[in-house]
């Protein structure tokens, strides 16, 4: 089964570090914690900055949240880094055979189910804040 990208979990990891220790949060520091290349972290931080979730201190390094951690939800983070086509998490294959009753109707039949599944996921992500997650990390 194909997974969603790991950008979301890396973004949550990044923002959690920024909340806990903003002065030390250079791209290299975060990359070491995530165990990935600093270039990957810089791309994620760029997406988070573009979404208005963080500000990066140029030159001296470090970053800080632009929204309080108790107001920053997992849905905010998800939307900042997971690019979905036309706001649709699930895609449906193109060009099914109209000669087949399944092929002719698959999109119409499946679309409502998939939309409801996406809404349920988004509602769940909206219930959890970065601060709530942060309380679960042991320093």
Protein backbone atom coordinates (compact mmCIF):
# COMPACT_ATOMS: atom_id res chain seq x y z
CA UNK A 1 0.00 0.00 0.00
CA UNK A 2 1.31 3.42 -0.92
CA UNK A 3 1.77 5.73 2.04
CA UNK A 4 1.39 9.45 2.26
CA UNK A 5 4.72 11.23 2.29
CA UNK A 6 6.72 11.58 5.49
CA UNK A 7 6.65 15.39 5.23
CA UNK A 8 3.84 15.56 7.78
CA UNK A 9 5.63 13.59 10.50
CA UNK A 10 8.87 15.48 9.79
CA UNK A 11 7.01 18.79 10.03
CA UNK A 12 5.48 17.80 13.39
CA UNK A 13 8.93 16.73 14.58
CA UNK A 14 10.41 20.05 13.41
CA UNK A 15 7.72 22.19 15.03
CA UNK A 16 7.94 20.22 18.28
CA UNK A 17 11.67 20.93 18.44
CA UNK A 18 11.11 24.59 17.63
CA UNK A 19 8.56 24.84 20.43
CA UNK A 20 10.89 23.19 22.94
CA UNK A 21 14.19 24.88 22.03
CA UNK A 22 13.82 27.64 19.44
CA UNK A 23 17.32 29.08 19.77
CA UNK A 24 19.04 25.78 18.91
CA UNK A 25 16.75 24.96 16.00
CA UNK A 26 18.96 25.31 12.99
CA UNK A 27 18.33 23.13 9.98
CA UNK A 28 21.33 20.98 10.92
CA UNK A 29 20.12 20.52 14.52
CA UNK A 30 16.64 19.47 13.37
CA UNK A 31 18.04 17.23 10.61
CA UNK A 32 20.17 15.39 13.18
CA UNK A 33 17.12 14.75 15.34
CA UNK A 34 14.96 13.66 12.39
CA UNK A 35 17.93 11.72 10.96
CA UNK A 36 17.61 13.16 7.49
CA UNK A 37 19.48 15.50 5.18
CA UNK A 38 19.38 19.19 6.20
CA UNK A 39 18.13 20.04 2.69
CA UNK A 40 14.94 18.07 3.40
CA UNK A 41 14.41 20.01 6.63
CA UNK A 42 15.02 23.34 4.91
CA UNK A 43 12.34 22.48 2.34
CA UNK A 44 9.87 21.57 5.09
CA UNK A 45 10.72 24.72 7.04
CA UNK A 46 10.16 26.73 3.87
CA UNK A 47 6.68 25.22 3.53
CA UNK A 48 5.93 25.93 7.20
CA UNK A 49 7.13 29.52 6.78
CA UNK A 50 5.06 30.00 3.63
CA UNK A 51 2.01 28.75 5.56
CA UNK A 52 2.67 31.36 8.28
CA UNK A 53 3.47 28.84 11.00
CA UNK A 54 7.12 29.75 11.67
CA UNK A 55 9.69 32.47 11.21
CA UNK A 56 13.31 31.58 10.57
CA UNK A 57 16.10 33.78 11.90
CA UNK A 58 18.48 34.38 9.02
CA UNK A 59 22.19 34.40 9.64
CA UNK A 60 22.25 33.32 13.28
CA UNK A 61 19.93 30.36 12.88
CA UNK A 62 17.00 29.26 14.93
CA UNK A 63 13.29 29.56 14.36
CA UNK A 64 10.16 30.35 16.30
CA UNK A 65 6.45 29.64 16.08
CA UNK A 66 4.20 32.40 14.77
CA UNK A 67 1.15 30.81 16.37
CA UNK A 68 0.94 29.62 19.99
CA UNK A 69 1.47 25.86 20.31
CA UNK A 70 -1.91 25.49 22.01
CA UNK A 71 -3.58 26.93 18.88
CA UNK A 72 -1.46 25.13 16.27
CA UNK A 73 -3.26 21.93 15.27
CA UNK A 74 -2.07 18.87 13.44
CA UNK A 75 -4.48 19.88 10.68
CA UNK A 76 -2.69 23.22 10.31
CA UNK A 77 0.59 21.35 9.95
CA UNK A 78 -0.86 18.77 7.57
CA UNK A 79 -2.27 21.47 5.31
CA UNK A 80 1.05 23.32 5.32
CA UNK A 81 3.10 20.40 4.02
CA UNK A 82 0.84 17.87 2.31
CA UNK A 83 0.01 19.13 -1.13
CA UNK A 84 -3.14 17.45 -2.39
CA UNK A 85 -4.61 17.94 -5.80
CA UNK A 86 -7.80 20.00 -5.67
CA UNK A 87 -7.90 19.47 -1.88
CA UNK A 88 -8.51 15.75 -2.48
CA UNK A 89 -6.49 13.29 -0.45
CA UNK A 90 -7.63 10.32 -2.52
CA UNK A 91 -7.31 10.16 -6.25
CA UNK A 92 -9.41 8.10 -8.60
CA UNK A 93 -7.93 6.61 -11.73
CA UNK A 94 -8.80 8.20 -15.05
CA UNK A 95 -10.24 6.81 -18.25
CA UNK A 96 -12.26 3.86 -16.98
CA UNK A 97 -14.21 2.05 -19.63
CA UNK A 98 -17.70 3.48 -20.03
CA UNK A 99 -18.75 0.18 -21.57
CA UNK A 100 -18.39 -1.41 -18.11
CA UNK A 101 -20.99 -0.59 -15.41
CA UNK A 102 -18.25 -0.38 -12.77
CA UNK A 103 -15.94 1.72 -14.95
CA UNK A 104 -18.79 4.02 -15.91
CA UNK A 105 -19.81 4.69 -12.28
CA UNK A 106 -16.72 4.18 -10.11
CA UNK A 107 -15.91 7.85 -9.63
CA UNK A 108 -19.46 8.85 -8.71
CA UNK A 109 -19.90 5.89 -6.35
CA UNK A 110 -16.53 6.15 -4.65
CA UNK A 111 -16.10 9.93 -4.42
CA UNK A 112 -18.58 10.45 -1.56
CA UNK A 113 -16.99 7.68 0.52
CA UNK A 114 -13.52 9.06 0.00
CA UNK A 115 -14.59 12.62 0.78
CA UNK A 116 -16.16 11.49 4.05
CA UNK A 117 -12.99 9.58 4.97
CA UNK A 118 -10.89 12.69 4.32
CA UNK A 119 -13.24 14.84 6.39
CA UNK A 120 -13.04 12.37 9.30
CA UNK A 121 -9.23 12.43 9.18
CA UNK A 122 -9.16 16.23 9.05
CA UNK A 123 -11.60 16.53 11.95
CA UNK A 124 -9.40 14.22 14.02
CA UNK A 125 -6.23 16.16 13.18
CA UNK A 126 -7.98 19.42 14.12
CA UNK A 127 -8.57 18.11 17.67
CA UNK A 128 -4.88 17.77 18.56
CA UNK A 129 -2.56 20.71 19.16
CA UNK A 130 1.21 20.85 19.04
CA UNK A 131 1.17 21.65 22.75
CA UNK A 132 -0.79 18.47 23.53
CA UNK A 133 1.79 16.40 21.65
CA UNK A 134 4.66 18.23 23.31
CA UNK A 135 3.45 17.18 26.75
CA UNK A 136 4.00 13.57 25.71
CA UNK A 137 7.70 14.04 24.94
CA UNK A 138 10.10 13.32 27.79
CA UNK A 139 13.03 15.70 28.02
